[in-house]
Amino acid sequence: PEDLVLYALYSGRKYPLAKVKAFLDHLISGLKELN
């Protein structure tokens, strides 16, 4: 079967909003700590 994937989707502007980028960085860092 295809893998189950959790995606983050945000607006297709050239650069994400600062708050979105910071949130994603924090989310990925937190998930890494949980392996």
ModelCIF file with pLDDT and N, C-alpha, C, O atoms, coordinates in Angstrom:
data_MODEL
#
_entry.id   MODEL 
#
_entity.id                         1 
_entity.type                       polymer 
_entity.pdbx_number_of_molecules   1 
#
_entity_poly.entity_id                      1 
_entity_poly.type                           'polypeptide(L)' 
_entity_poly.nstd_linkage                   no 
_entity_poly.nstd_monomer                   no 
_entity_poly.pdbx_seq_one_letter_code       PEDLVLYALYSGRKYPLAKVKAFLDHLISGLKELN 
_entity_poly.pdbx_seq_one_letter_code_can   PEDLVLYALYSGRKYPLAKVKAFLDHLISGLKELN 
_entity_poly.pdbx_strand_id                 A 
#
loop_
_entity_poly_seq.entity_id 
_entity_poly_seq.num 
_entity_poly_seq.mon_id 
_entity_poly_seq.hetero 
1 1  PRO n 
1 2  GLU n 
1 3  ASP n 
1 4  LEU n 
1 5  VAL n 
1 6  LEU n 
1 7  TYR n 
1 8  ALA n 
1 9  LEU n 
1 10 TYR n 
1 11 SER n 
1 12 GLY n 
1 13 ARG n 
1 14 LYS n 
1 15 TYR n 
1 16 PRO n 
1 17 LEU n 
1 18 ALA n 
1 19 LYS n 
1 20 VAL n 
1 21 LYS n 
1 22 ALA n 
1 23 PHE n 
1 24 LEU n 
1 25 ASP n 
1 26 HIS n 
1 27 LEU n 
1 28 ILE n 
1 29 SER n 
1 30 GLY n 
1 31 LEU n 
1 32 LYS n 
1 33 GLU n 
1 34 LEU n 
1 35 ASN n 
#
_struct_asym.id          A 
_struct_asym.entity_id   1 
#
loop_
_ma_qa_metric.id 
_ma_qa_metric.mode 
_ma_qa_metric.name 
_ma_qa_metric.software_group_id 
_ma_qa_metric.type 
1 global pLDDT . pLDDT 
2 local  pLDDT . pLDDT 
#
_ma_qa_metric_global.metric_id      1 
_ma_qa_metric_global.metric_value   83.77 
_ma_qa_metric_global.model_id       1 
_ma_qa_metric_global.ordinal_id     1 
#
loop_
_ma_qa_metric_local.label_asym_id 
_ma_qa_metric_local.label_comp_id 
_ma_qa_metric_local.label_seq_id 
_ma_qa_metric_local.metric_id 
_ma_qa_metric_local.metric_value 
_ma_qa_metric_local.model_id 
_ma_qa_metric_local.ordinal_id 
A PRO 1  2 91.00 1 1  
A GLU 2  2 91.00 1 2  
A ASP 3  2 91.00 1 3  
A LEU 4  2 90.00 1 4  
A VAL 5  2 89.00 1 5  
A LEU 6  2 89.00 1 6  
A TYR 7  2 89.00 1 7  
A ALA 8  2 89.00 1 8  
A LEU 9  2 87.00 1 9  
A TYR 10 2 85.00 1 10 
A SER 11 2 77.00 1 11 
A GLY 12 2 66.00 1 12 
A ARG 13 2 62.00 1 13 
A LYS 14 2 53.00 1 14 
A TYR 15 2 56.00 1 15 
A PRO 16 2 66.00 1 16 
A LEU 17 2 75.00 1 17 
A ALA 18 2 80.00 1 18 
A LYS 19 2 84.00 1 19 
A VAL 20 2 87.00 1 20 
A LYS 21 2 87.00 1 21 
A ALA 22 2 89.00 1 22 
A PHE 23 2 92.00 1 23 
A LEU 24 2 92.00 1 24 
A ASP 25 2 92.00 1 25 
A HIS 26 2 93.00 1 26 
A LEU 27 2 92.00 1 27 
A ILE 28 2 91.00 1 28 
A SER 29 2 91.00 1 29 
A GLY 30 2 91.00 1 30 
A LEU 31 2 90.00 1 31 
A LYS 32 2 88.00 1 32 
A GLU 33 2 87.00 1 33 
A LEU 34 2 82.00 1 34 
A ASN 35 2 78.00 1 35 
#
loop_
_atom_site.group_PDB 
_atom_site.id 
_atom_site.type_symbol 
_atom_site.label_atom_id 
_atom_site.label_alt_id 
_atom_site.label_comp_id 
_atom_site.label_asym_id 
_atom_site.label_entity_id 
_atom_site.label_seq_id 
_atom_site.pdbx_PDB_ins_code 
_atom_site.Cartn_x 
_atom_site.Cartn_y 
_atom_site.Cartn_z 
_atom_site.occupancy 
_atom_site.B_iso_or_equiv 
_atom_site.pdbx_formal_charge 
_atom_site.auth_seq_id 
_atom_site.auth_comp_id 
_atom_site.auth_asym_id 
_atom_site.auth_atom_id 
_atom_site.pdbx_PDB_model_num 
ATOM 1   N N  . PRO A 1 1  ? 0.834  -1.213 0.000  1.00 91.00 ? 1  PRO A N  1 
ATOM 2   C CA . PRO A 1 1  ? 0.000  0.000  0.000  1.00 91.00 ? 1  PRO A CA 1 
ATOM 3   C C  . PRO A 1 1  ? 0.864  1.257  0.000  1.00 91.00 ? 1  PRO A C  1 
ATOM 4   O O  . PRO A 1 1  ? 1.996  1.251  0.484  1.00 91.00 ? 1  PRO A O  1 
ATOM 5   N N  . GLU A 1 2  ? 0.311  2.325  -0.548 1.00 91.00 ? 2  GLU A N  1 
ATOM 6   C CA . GLU A 1 2  ? 0.981  3.610  -0.447 1.00 91.00 ? 2  GLU A CA 1 
ATOM 7   C C  . GLU A 1 2  ? 1.150  3.984  1.022  1.00 91.00 ? 2  GLU A C  1 
ATOM 8   O O  . GLU A 1 2  ? 0.297  3.665  1.850  1.00 91.00 ? 2  GLU A O  1 
ATOM 9   N N  . ASP A 1 3  ? 2.263  4.666  1.346  1.00 91.00 ? 3  ASP A N  1 
ATOM 10  C CA . ASP A 1 3  ? 2.479  5.120  2.714  1.00 91.00 ? 3  ASP A CA 1 
ATOM 11  C C  . ASP A 1 3  ? 1.400  6.137  3.104  1.00 91.00 ? 3  ASP A C  1 
ATOM 12  O O  . ASP A 1 3  ? 0.885  6.877  2.266  1.00 91.00 ? 3  ASP A O  1 
ATOM 13  N N  . LEU A 1 4  ? 1.079  6.150  4.389  1.00 90.00 ? 4  LEU A N  1 
ATOM 14  C CA . LEU A 1 4  ? 0.218  7.190  4.941  1.00 90.00 ? 4  LEU A CA 1 
ATOM 15  C C  . LEU A 1 4  ? 1.100  8.385  5.279  1.00 90.00 ? 4  LEU A C  1 
ATOM 16  O O  . LEU A 1 4  ? 2.081  8.245  6.009  1.00 90.00 ? 4  LEU A O  1 
ATOM 17  N N  . VAL A 1 5  ? 0.760  9.551  4.758  1.00 89.00 ? 5  VAL A N  1 
ATOM 18  C CA . VAL A 1 5  ? 1.603  10.735 4.931  1.00 89.00 ? 5  VAL A CA 1 
ATOM 19  C C  . VAL A 1 5  ? 0.784  11.870 5.544  1.00 89.00 ? 5  VAL A C  1 
ATOM 20  O O  . VAL A 1 5  ? -0.342 12.136 5.126  1.00 89.00 ? 5  VAL A O  1 
ATOM 21  N N  . LEU A 1 6  ? 1.365  12.528 6.533  1.00 89.00 ? 6  LEU A N  1 
ATOM 22  C CA . LEU A 1 6  ? 0.781  13.749 7.075  1.00 89.00 ? 6  LEU A CA 1 
ATOM 23  C C  . LEU A 1 6  ? 1.475  14.927 6.403  1.00 89.00 ? 6  LEU A C  1 
ATOM 24  O O  . LEU A 1 6  ? 2.687  15.107 6.528  1.00 89.00 ? 6  LEU A O  1 
ATOM 25  N N  . TYR A 1 7  ? 0.685  15.726 5.688  1.00 89.00 ? 7  TYR A N  1 
ATOM 26  C CA . TYR A 1 7  ? 1.219  16.890 4.981  1.00 89.00 ? 7  TYR A CA 1 
ATOM 27  C C  . TYR A 1 7  ? 0.827  18.178 5.699  1.00 89.00 ? 7  TYR A C  1 
ATOM 28  O O  . TYR A 1 7  ? -0.214 18.263 6.350  1.00 89.00 ? 7  TYR A O  1 
ATOM 29  N N  . ALA A 1 8  ? 1.694  19.173 5.560  1.00 89.00 ? 8  ALA A N  1 
ATOM 30  C CA . ALA A 1 8  ? 1.351  20.543 5.951  1.00 89.00 ? 8  ALA A CA 1 
ATOM 31  C C  . ALA A 1 8  ? 1.163  21.331 4.668  1.00 89.00 ? 8  ALA A C  1 
ATOM 32  O O  . ALA A 1 8  ? 2.048  21.352 3.813  1.00 89.00 ? 8  ALA A O  1 
ATOM 33  N N  . LEU A 1 9  ? 0.019  21.978 4.531  1.00 87.00 ? 9  LEU A N  1 
ATOM 34  C CA . LEU A 1 9  ? -0.264 22.788 3.348  1.00 87.00 ? 9  LEU A CA 1 
ATOM 35  C C  . LEU A 1 9  ? -0.415 24.240 3.750  1.00 87.00 ? 9  LEU A C  1 
ATOM 36  O O  . LEU A 1 9  ? -1.087 24.567 4.728  1.00 87.00 ? 9  LEU A O  1 
ATOM 37  N N  . TYR A 1 10 ? 0.230  25.112 2.970  1.00 85.00 ? 10 TYR A N  1 
ATOM 38  C CA . TYR A 1 10 ? 0.094  26.539 3.225  1.00 85.00 ? 10 TYR A CA 1 
ATOM 39  C C  . TYR A 1 10 ? 0.034  27.283 1.896  1.00 85.00 ? 10 TYR A C  1 
ATOM 40  O O  . TYR A 1 10 ? 0.275  26.700 0.838  1.00 85.00 ? 10 TYR A O  1 
ATOM 41  N N  . SER A 1 11 ? -0.284 28.558 1.956  1.00 77.00 ? 11 SER A N  1 
ATOM 42  C CA . SER A 1 11 ? -0.512 29.356 0.755  1.00 77.00 ? 11 SER A CA 1 
ATOM 43  C C  . SER A 1 11 ? 0.677  29.296 -0.185 1.00 77.00 ? 11 SER A C  1 
ATOM 44  O O  . SER A 1 11 ? 1.826  29.232 0.252  1.00 77.00 ? 11 SER A O  1 
ATOM 45  N N  . GLY A 1 12 ? 0.391  29.317 -1.489 1.00 66.00 ? 12 GLY A N  1 
ATOM 46  C CA . GLY A 1 12 ? 1.441  29.167 -2.490 1.00 66.00 ? 12 GLY A CA 1 
ATOM 47  C C  . GLY A 1 12 ? 2.214  30.436 -2.782 1.00 66.00 ? 12 GLY A C  1 
ATOM 48  O O  . GLY A 1 12 ? 2.811  30.543 -3.854 1.00 66.00 ? 12 GLY A O  1 
ATOM 49  N N  . ARG A 1 13 ? 2.231  31.396 -1.884 1.00 62.00 ? 13 ARG A N  1 
ATOM 50  C CA . ARG A 1 13 ? 3.055  32.582 -2.107 1.00 62.00 ? 13 ARG A CA 1 
ATOM 51  C C  . ARG A 1 13 ? 4.535  32.190 -2.121 1.00 62.00 ? 13 ARG A C  1 
ATOM 52  O O  . ARG A 1 13 ? 4.891  31.103 -1.663 1.00 62.00 ? 13 ARG A O  1 
ATOM 53  N N  . LYS A 1 14 ? 5.387  33.054 -2.635 1.00 53.00 ? 14 LYS A N  1 
ATOM 54  C CA . LYS A 1 14 ? 6.816  32.722 -2.807 1.00 53.00 ? 14 LYS A CA 1 
ATOM 55  C C  . LYS A 1 14 ? 7.451  32.348 -1.482 1.00 53.00 ? 14 LYS A C  1 
ATOM 56  O O  . LYS A 1 14 ? 8.221  31.390 -1.410 1.00 53.00 ? 14 LYS A O  1 
ATOM 57  N N  . TYR A 1 15 ? 7.137  33.093 -0.431 1.00 56.00 ? 15 TYR A N  1 
ATOM 58  C CA . TYR A 1 15 ? 7.666  32.790 0.894  1.00 56.00 ? 15 TYR A CA 1 
ATOM 59  C C  . TYR A 1 15 ? 6.500  32.626 1.864  1.00 56.00 ? 15 TYR A C  1 
ATOM 60  O O  . TYR A 1 15 ? 5.557  33.416 1.818  1.00 56.00 ? 15 TYR A O  1 
ATOM 61  N N  . PRO A 1 16 ? 6.538  31.620 2.744  1.00 66.00 ? 16 PRO A N  1 
ATOM 62  C CA . PRO A 1 16 ? 5.456  31.479 3.726  1.00 66.00 ? 16 PRO A CA 1 
ATOM 63  C C  . PRO A 1 16 ? 5.502  32.618 4.729  1.00 66.00 ? 16 PRO A C  1 
ATOM 64  O O  . PRO A 1 16 ? 6.558  33.209 4.952  1.00 66.00 ? 16 PRO A O  1 
ATOM 65  N N  . LEU A 1 17 ? 4.364  32.930 5.334  1.00 75.00 ? 17 LEU A N  1 
ATOM 66  C CA . LEU A 1 17 ? 4.348  33.929 6.391  1.00 75.00 ? 17 LEU A CA 1 
ATOM 67  C C  . LEU A 1 17 ? 5.318  33.525 7.487  1.00 75.00 ? 17 LEU A C  1 
ATOM 68  O O  . LEU A 1 17 ? 5.538  32.336 7.720  1.00 75.00 ? 17 LEU A O  1 
ATOM 69  N N  . ALA A 1 18 ? 5.897  34.508 8.160  1.00 80.00 ? 18 ALA A N  1 
ATOM 70  C CA . ALA A 1 18 ? 6.871  34.228 9.205  1.00 80.00 ? 18 ALA A CA 1 
ATOM 71  C C  . ALA A 1 18 ? 6.286  33.327 10.289 1.00 80.00 ? 18 ALA A C  1 
ATOM 72  O O  . ALA A 1 18 ? 6.963  32.426 10.784 1.00 80.00 ? 18 ALA A O  1 
ATOM 73  N N  . LYS A 1 19 ? 5.017  33.573 10.660 1.00 84.00 ? 19 LYS A N  1 
ATOM 74  C CA . LYS A 1 19 ? 4.402  32.770 11.714 1.00 84.00 ? 19 LYS A CA 1 
ATOM 75  C C  . LYS A 1 19 ? 4.209  31.322 11.253 1.00 84.00 ? 19 LYS A C  1 
ATOM 76  O O  . LYS A 1 19 ? 4.319  30.399 12.060 1.00 84.00 ? 19 LYS A O  1 
ATOM 77  N N  . VAL A 1 20 ? 3.922  31.117 9.957  1.00 87.00 ? 20 VAL A N  1 
ATOM 78  C CA . VAL A 1 20 ? 3.765  29.759 9.433  1.00 87.00 ? 20 VAL A CA 1 
ATOM 79  C C  . VAL A 1 20 ? 5.110  29.045 9.414  1.00 87.00 ? 20 VAL A C  1 
ATOM 80  O O  . VAL A 1 20 ? 5.206  27.886 9.819  1.00 87.00 ? 20 VAL A O  1 
ATOM 81  N N  . LYS A 1 21 ? 6.146  29.730 8.946  1.00 87.00 ? 21 LYS A N  1 
ATOM 82  C CA . LYS A 1 21 ? 7.479  29.119 8.900  1.00 87.00 ? 21 LYS A CA 1 
ATOM 83  C C  . LYS A 1 21 ? 7.943  28.751 10.304 1.00 87.00 ? 21 LYS A C  1 
ATOM 84  O O  . LYS A 1 21 ? 8.475  27.662 10.522 1.00 87.00 ? 21 LYS A O  1 
ATOM 85  N N  . ALA A 1 22 ? 7.741  29.661 11.257 1.00 89.00 ? 22 ALA A N  1 
ATOM 86  C CA . ALA A 1 22 ? 8.165  29.392 12.637 1.00 89.00 ? 22 ALA A CA 1 
ATOM 87  C C  . ALA A 1 22 ? 7.389  28.211 13.213 1.00 89.00 ? 22 ALA A C  1 
ATOM 88  O O  . ALA A 1 22 ? 7.957  27.369 13.909 1.00 89.00 ? 22 ALA A O  1 
ATOM 89  N N  . PHE A 1 23 ? 6.088  28.151 12.921 1.00 92.00 ? 23 PHE A N  1 
ATOM 90  C CA . PHE A 1 23 ? 5.267  27.044 13.418 1.00 92.00 ? 23 PHE A CA 1 
ATOM 91  C C  . PHE A 1 23 ? 5.742  25.717 12.836 1.00 92.00 ? 23 PHE A C  1 
ATOM 92  O O  . PHE A 1 23 ? 5.861  24.731 13.563 1.00 92.00 ? 23 PHE A O  1 
ATOM 93  N N  . LEU A 1 24 ? 6.015  25.682 11.530 1.00 92.00 ? 24 LEU A N  1 
ATOM 94  C CA . LEU A 1 24 ? 6.476  24.445 10.893 1.00 92.00 ? 24 LEU A CA 1 
ATOM 95  C C  . LEU A 1 24 ? 7.830  24.011 11.439 1.00 92.00 ? 24 LEU A C  1 
ATOM 96  O O  . LEU A 1 24 ? 8.055  22.826 11.685 1.00 92.00 ? 24 LEU A O  1 
ATOM 97  N N  . ASP A 1 25 ? 8.727  24.967 11.627 1.00 92.00 ? 25 ASP A N  1 
ATOM 98  C CA . ASP A 1 25 ? 10.049 24.638 12.192 1.00 92.00 ? 25 ASP A CA 1 
ATOM 99  C C  . ASP A 1 25 ? 9.893  24.039 13.584 1.00 92.00 ? 25 ASP A C  1 
ATOM 100 O O  . ASP A 1 25 ? 10.556 23.059 13.925 1.00 92.00 ? 25 ASP A O  1 
ATOM 101 N N  . HIS A 1 26 ? 9.014  24.633 14.381 1.00 93.00 ? 26 HIS A N  1 
ATOM 102 C CA . HIS A 1 26 ? 8.787  24.138 15.743 1.00 93.00 ? 26 HIS A CA 1 
ATOM 103 C C  . HIS A 1 26 ? 8.138  22.762 15.708 1.00 93.00 ? 26 HIS A C  1 
ATOM 104 O O  . HIS A 1 26 ? 8.493  21.885 16.496 1.00 93.00 ? 26 HIS A O  1 
ATOM 105 N N  . LEU A 1 27 ? 7.187  22.569 14.799 1.00 92.00 ? 27 LEU A N  1 
ATOM 106 C CA . LEU A 1 27 ? 6.495  21.287 14.676 1.00 92.00 ? 27 LEU A CA 1 
ATOM 107 C C  . LEU A 1 27 ? 7.476  20.174 14.313 1.00 92.00 ? 27 LEU A C  1 
ATOM 108 O O  . LEU A 1 27 ? 7.476  19.114 14.938 1.00 92.00 ? 27 LEU A O  1 
ATOM 109 N N  . ILE A 1 28 ? 8.300  20.415 13.314 1.00 91.00 ? 28 ILE A N  1 
ATOM 110 C CA . ILE A 1 28 ? 9.251  19.389 12.865 1.00 91.00 ? 28 ILE A CA 1 
ATOM 111 C C  . ILE A 1 28 ? 10.278 19.106 13.948 1.00 91.00 ? 28 ILE A C  1 
ATOM 112 O O  . ILE A 1 28 ? 10.658 17.954 14.157 1.00 91.00 ? 28 ILE A O  1 
ATOM 113 N N  . SER A 1 29 ? 10.734 20.152 14.643 1.00 91.00 ? 29 SER A N  1 
ATOM 114 C CA . SER A 1 29 ? 11.687 19.951 15.734 1.00 91.00 ? 29 SER A CA 1 
ATOM 115 C C  . SER A 1 29 ? 11.071 19.113 16.852 1.00 91.00 ? 29 SER A C  1 
ATOM 116 O O  . SER A 1 29 ? 11.720 18.218 17.393 1.00 91.00 ? 29 SER A O  1 
ATOM 117 N N  . GLY A 1 30 ? 9.806  19.409 17.200 1.00 91.00 ? 30 GLY A N  1 
ATOM 118 C CA . GLY A 1 30 ? 9.130  18.649 18.248 1.00 91.00 ? 30 GLY A CA 1 
ATOM 119 C C  . GLY A 1 30 ? 8.920  17.199 17.874 1.00 91.00 ? 30 GLY A C  1 
ATOM 120 O O  . GLY A 1 30 ? 9.051  16.311 18.716 1.00 91.00 ? 30 GLY A O  1 
ATOM 121 N N  . LEU A 1 31 ? 8.594  16.953 16.617 1.00 90.00 ? 31 LEU A N  1 
ATOM 122 C CA . LEU A 1 31 ? 8.390  15.575 16.163 1.00 90.00 ? 31 LEU A CA 1 
ATOM 123 C C  . LEU A 1 31 ? 9.697  14.793 16.127 1.00 90.00 ? 31 LEU A C  1 
ATOM 124 O O  . LEU A 1 31 ? 9.717  13.588 16.378 1.00 90.00 ? 31 LEU A O  1 
ATOM 125 N N  . LYS A 1 32 ? 10.792 15.489 15.814 1.00 88.00 ? 32 LYS A N  1 
ATOM 126 C CA . LYS A 1 32 ? 12.099 14.822 15.844 1.00 88.00 ? 32 LYS A CA 1 
ATOM 127 C C  . LYS A 1 32 ? 12.443 14.370 17.260 1.00 88.00 ? 32 LYS A C  1 
ATOM 128 O O  . LYS A 1 32 ? 13.008 13.294 17.457 1.00 88.00 ? 32 LYS A O  1 
ATOM 129 N N  . GLU A 1 33 ? 12.103 15.188 18.228 1.00 87.00 ? 33 GLU A N  1 
ATOM 130 C CA . GLU A 1 33 ? 12.360 14.815 19.620 1.00 87.00 ? 33 GLU A CA 1 
ATOM 131 C C  . GLU A 1 33 ? 11.560 13.595 20.029 1.00 87.00 ? 33 GLU A C  1 
ATOM 132 O O  . GLU A 1 33 ? 11.977 12.831 20.899 1.00 87.00 ? 33 GLU A O  1 
ATOM 133 N N  . LEU A 1 34 ? 10.387 13.412 19.386 1.00 82.00 ? 34 LEU A N  1 
ATOM 134 C CA . LEU A 1 34 ? 9.553  12.239 19.663 1.00 82.00 ? 34 LEU A CA 1 
ATOM 135 C C  . LEU A 1 34 ? 9.890  11.060 18.747 1.00 82.00 ? 34 LEU A C  1 
ATOM 136 O O  . LEU A 1 34 ? 9.258  10.005 18.806 1.00 82.00 ? 34 LEU A O  1 
ATOM 137 N N  . ASN A 1 35 ? 10.914 11.271 17.890 1.00 78.00 ? 35 ASN A N  1 
ATOM 138 C CA . ASN A 1 35 ? 11.333 10.244 16.911 1.00 78.00 ? 35 ASN A CA 1 
ATOM 139 C C  . ASN A 1 35 ? 10.188 9.856  15.983 1.00 78.00 ? 35 ASN A C  1 
ATOM 140 O O  . ASN A 1 35 ? 10.364 9.011  15.106 1.00 78.00 ? 35 ASN A O  1 
#
